[in-house]
PDB file of N, CA and C in Angstrom:
ATOM      1  N   MET A   1       2.636  10.178  -7.544  1.00  0.00           N
ATOM      2  CA  MET A   1       2.174   9.976  -5.468  1.00  0.00           C
ATOM      3  C   MET A   1       2.153   8.468  -5.575  1.00  0.00           C
ATOM      4  N   SER A   2       2.916   8.829  -4.245  1.00  0.00           N
ATOM      5  CA  SER A   2       3.160   7.166  -3.997  1.00  0.00           C
ATOM      6  C   SER A   2       2.142   7.131  -2.209  1.00  0.00           C
ATOM      7  N   HIS A   3       1.357   6.737  -2.391  1.00  0.00           N
ATOM      8  CA  HIS A   3       1.203   6.187  -1.023  1.00  0.00           C
ATOM      9  C   HIS A   3       0.621   4.930  -1.533  1.00  0.00           C
ATOM     10  N   HIS A   4       0.724   4.030  -0.019  1.00  0.00           N
ATOM     11  CA  HIS A   4       0.697   2.737  -0.101  1.00  0.00           C
ATOM     12  C   HIS A   4       0.162   2.418   1.134  1.00  0.00           C
ATOM     13  N   GLU A   5      -1.076   1.515   1.050  1.00  0.00           N
ATOM     14  CA  GLU A   5      -1.352   1.058   2.543  1.00  0.00           C
ATOM     15  C   GLU A   5      -1.471  -0.081   2.917  1.00  0.00           C
ATOM     16  N   PHE A   6      -0.720  -1.118   3.173  1.00  0.00           N
ATOM     17  CA  PHE A   6      -1.256  -2.357   3.721  1.00  0.00           C
ATOM     18  C   PHE A   6      -2.133  -2.134   4.966  1.00  0.00           C
ATOM     19  N   THR A   7      -3.089  -3.271   4.635  1.00  0.00           N
ATOM     20  CA  THR A   7      -3.857  -3.627   6.095  1.00  0.00           C
ATOM     21  C   THR A   7      -3.826  -4.558   7.449  1.00  0.00           C
ATOM     22  N   LYS A   8      -2.819  -4.138   8.246  1.00  0.00           N
ATOM     23  CA  LYS A   8      -2.168  -4.697   9.602  1.00  0.00           C
ATOM     24  C   LYS A   8      -2.958  -4.443  10.240  1.00  0.00           C
ATOM     25  N   PRO A   9      -3.842  -5.643  11.595  1.00  0.00           N
ATOM     26  CA  PRO A   9      -3.811  -5.300  12.791  1.00  0.00           C
ATOM     27  C   PRO A   9      -3.711  -4.363  13.857  1.00  0.00           C
ATOM     28  N   HIS A  10      -4.788  -3.842  13.953  1.00  0.00           N
ATOM     29  CA  HIS A  10      -4.676  -2.605  14.809  1.00  0.00           C
ATOM     30  C   HIS A  10      -3.003  -2.698  16.054  1.00  0.00           C
ATOM     31  N   GLY A  11      -1.993  -2.330  15.696  1.00  0.00           N
ATOM     32  CA  GLY A  11      -1.474  -2.151  16.289  1.00  0.00           C
ATOM     33  C   GLY A  11       0.347  -2.687  16.540  1.00  0.00           C
ATOM     34  N   VAL A  12      -0.202  -3.024  14.580  1.00  0.00           N
ATOM     35  CA  VAL A  12       1.127  -4.323  13.959  1.00  0.00           C
ATOM     36  C   VAL A  12       1.599  -3.232  13.230  1.00  0.00           C
ATOM     37  N   ARG A  13       3.028  -2.761  13.150  1.00  0.00           N
ATOM     38  CA  ARG A  13       3.581  -1.557  12.770  1.00  0.00           C
ATOM     39  C   ARG A  13       4.378  -2.514  11.677  1.00  0.00           C
ATOM     40  N   MET A  14       4.712  -2.118  10.172  1.00  0.00           N
ATOM     41  CA  MET A  14       5.480  -2.638   9.736  1.00  0.00           C
ATOM     42  C   MET A  14       7.383  -2.277   9.981  1.00  0.00           C
ATOM     43  N   SER A  15       8.002  -2.894   9.552  1.00  0.00           N
ATOM     44  CA  SER A  15       9.364  -2.433   9.665  1.00  0.00           C
ATOM     45  C   SER A  15       9.932  -2.025   7.617  1.00  0.00           C
ATOM     46  N   ASP A  16      11.171  -1.210   7.463  1.00  0.00           N
ATOM     47  CA  ASP A  16      10.746  -1.030   6.030  1.00  0.00           C
ATOM     48  C   ASP A  16      11.638  -2.415   5.272  1.00  0.00           C
ATOM     49  N   GLU A  17      11.466  -2.991   6.192  1.00  0.00           N
ATOM     50  CA  GLU A  17      12.347  -4.449   5.701  1.00  0.00           C
ATOM     51  C   GLU A  17      10.640  -5.456   5.572  1.00  0.00           C
ATOM     52  N   GLU A  18      10.115  -5.349   5.950  1.00  0.00           N
ATOM     53  CA  GLU A  18       8.667  -6.419   6.373  1.00  0.00           C
ATOM     54  C   GLU A  18       7.709  -5.657   4.987  1.00  0.00           C
ATOM     55  N   TRP A  19       8.059  -3.866   4.882  1.00  0.00           N
ATOM     56  CA  TRP A  19       7.081  -3.490   4.163  1.00  0.00           C
ATOM     57  C   TRP A  19       7.945  -3.456   2.592  1.00  0.00           C
ATOM     58  N   LYS A  20       9.377  -3.315   2.315  1.00  0.00           N
ATOM     59  CA  LYS A  20       9.547  -3.739   1.020  1.00  0.00           C
ATOM     60  C   LYS A  20       9.791  -4.826   0.458  1.00  0.00           C
ATOM     61  N   ALA A  21       9.629  -5.777   1.366  1.00  0.00           N
ATOM     62  CA  ALA A  21       9.531  -7.549   1.390  1.00  0.00           C
ATOM     63  C   ALA A  21       8.096  -7.476   1.022  1.00  0.00           C
ATOM     64  N   GLN A  22       7.219  -7.536   1.388  1.00  0.00           N
ATOM     65  CA  GLN A  22       5.616  -7.579   0.944  1.00  0.00           C
ATOM     66  C   GLN A  22       5.110  -6.905  -0.388  1.00  0.00           C
ATOM     67  N   MET A  23       6.272  -5.255  -1.203  1.00  0.00           N
ATOM     68  CA  MET A  23       5.975  -4.745  -1.918  1.00  0.00           C
ATOM     69  C   MET A  23       6.462  -5.730  -2.771  1.00  0.00           C
ATOM     70  N   ALA A  24       7.658  -5.906  -2.955  1.00  0.00           N
ATOM     71  CA  ALA A  24       8.359  -7.283  -4.390  1.00  0.00           C
ATOM     72  C   ALA A  24       7.484  -8.700  -3.941  1.00  0.00           C
ATOM     73  N   GLN A  25       6.680  -9.127  -2.945  1.00  0.00           N
ATOM     74  CA  GLN A  25       6.082 -10.071  -3.242  1.00  0.00           C
ATOM     75  C   GLN A  25       4.427 -10.233  -3.548  1.00  0.00           C
ATOM     76  N   GLU A  26       4.104  -9.329  -3.359  1.00  0.00           N
ATOM     77  CA  GLU A  26       2.348  -9.157  -3.088  1.00  0.00           C
ATOM     78  C   GLU A  26       2.127  -7.802  -4.086  1.00  0.00           C
ATOM     79  N   GLY A  27       3.464  -6.899  -4.765  1.00  0.00           N
ATOM     80  CA  GLY A  27       2.574  -5.922  -5.898  1.00  0.00           C
ATOM     81  C   GLY A  27       1.896  -4.858  -4.628  1.00  0.00           C
ATOM     82  N   GLU A  28       2.338  -3.859  -5.846  1.00  0.00           N
ATOM     83  CA  GLU A  28       1.550  -2.344  -5.047  1.00  0.00           C
ATOM     84  C   GLU A  28      -0.195  -3.122  -5.043  1.00  0.00           C
ATOM     85  N   PRO A  29      -0.718  -2.382  -3.206  1.00  0.00           N
ATOM     86  CA  PRO A  29      -1.713  -2.972  -3.133  1.00  0.00           C
ATOM     87  C   PRO A  29      -2.956  -1.764  -4.391  1.00  0.00           C
ATOM     88  N   ALA A  30      -4.038  -2.186  -4.191  1.00  0.00           N
ATOM     89  CA  ALA A  30      -4.907  -2.260  -5.197  1.00  0.00           C
ATOM     90  C   ALA A  30      -5.065  -0.163  -4.137  1.00  0.00           C
ATOM     91  N   PRO A  31      -5.340   1.030  -4.717  1.00  0.00           N
ATOM     92  CA  PRO A  31      -5.618   1.948  -4.907  1.00  0.00           C
ATOM     93  C   PRO A  31      -6.581   2.237  -3.692  1.00  0.00           C
ATOM     94  N   ALA A  32      -6.647   3.001  -2.949  1.00  0.00           N
ATOM     95  CA  ALA A  32      -7.741   3.557  -1.558  1.00  0.00           C
ATOM     96  C   ALA A  32      -9.250   3.892  -2.459  1.00  0.00           C
ATOM     97  N   ASP A  33     -10.122   3.860  -2.174  1.00  0.00           N
ATOM     98  CA  ASP A  33     -11.153   4.258  -2.395  1.00  0.00           C
ATOM     99  C   ASP A  33     -11.069   5.849  -2.995  1.00  0.00           C
ATOM    100  N   TRP A  34     -10.464   6.358  -1.687  1.00  0.00           N
ATOM    101  CA  TRP A  34     -10.262   8.146  -1.793  1.00  0.00           C
ATOM    102  C   TRP A  34      -9.788   8.674  -2.777  1.00  0.00           C
ATOM    103  N   LYS A  35      -9.117   7.696  -3.454  1.00  0.00           N
ATOM    104  CA  LYS A  35      -7.700   8.487  -4.179  1.00  0.00           C
ATOM    105  C   LYS A  35      -8.620   8.101  -5.630  1.00  0.00           C
ATOM    106  N   ARG A  36      -9.119   7.949  -6.125  1.00  0.00           N
ATOM    107  CA  ARG A  36      -9.793   7.116  -7.150  1.00  0.00           C
ATOM    108  C   ARG A  36     -10.450   8.202  -7.884  1.00  0.00           C
ATOM    109  N   ASP A  37     -11.267   9.564  -7.057  1.00  0.00           N
ATOM    110  CA  ASP A  37     -11.390  10.567  -7.726  1.00  0.00           C
ATOM    111  C   ASP A  37     -10.701  11.226  -8.314  1.00  0.00           C
ATOM    112  N   PHE A  38      -8.789  11.036  -8.024  1.00  0.00           N
ATOM    113  CA  PHE A  38      -8.497  12.249  -8.564  1.00  0.00           C
ATOM    114  C   PHE A  38      -6.801  11.062  -9.812  1.00  0.00           C
ATOM    115  N   LEU A  39      -6.987  10.086  -9.452  1.00  0.00           N
ATOM    116  CA  LEU A  39      -5.930   9.074 -10.522  1.00  0.00           C
ATOM    117  C   LEU A  39      -6.656   9.182 -11.478  1.00  0.00           C
ATOM    118  N   ILE A  40      -5.655   8.954 -12.351  1.00  0.00           N
ATOM    119  CA  ILE A  40      -5.319   9.087 -13.650  1.00  0.00           C
ATOM    120  C   ILE A  40      -5.229   7.698 -14.055  1.00  0.00           C
ATOM    121  N   THR A  41      -5.965   7.208 -14.728  1.00  0.00           N
ATOM    122  CA  THR A  41      -5.147   5.097 -14.874  1.00  0.00           C
ATOM    123  C   THR A  41      -4.826   5.313 -16.297  1.00  0.00           C
ATOM    124  N   GLU A  42      -4.085   4.379 -16.588  1.00  0.00           N
ATOM    125  CA  GLU A  42      -3.444   3.988 -17.780  1.00  0.00           C
ATOM    126  C   GLU A  42      -3.858   2.916 -19.027  1.00  0.00           C
TER     127      GLU A  42
END
């Protein structure tokens, strides 16, 4: 399941290029708290 959230100020949207650059630079963000109930860790 791929769902990633980056915290940005209200009203600030990331373009596809900005999102890809942030993923490449910082890696995947930690899963949201609500996802931990059903995620399987390896």
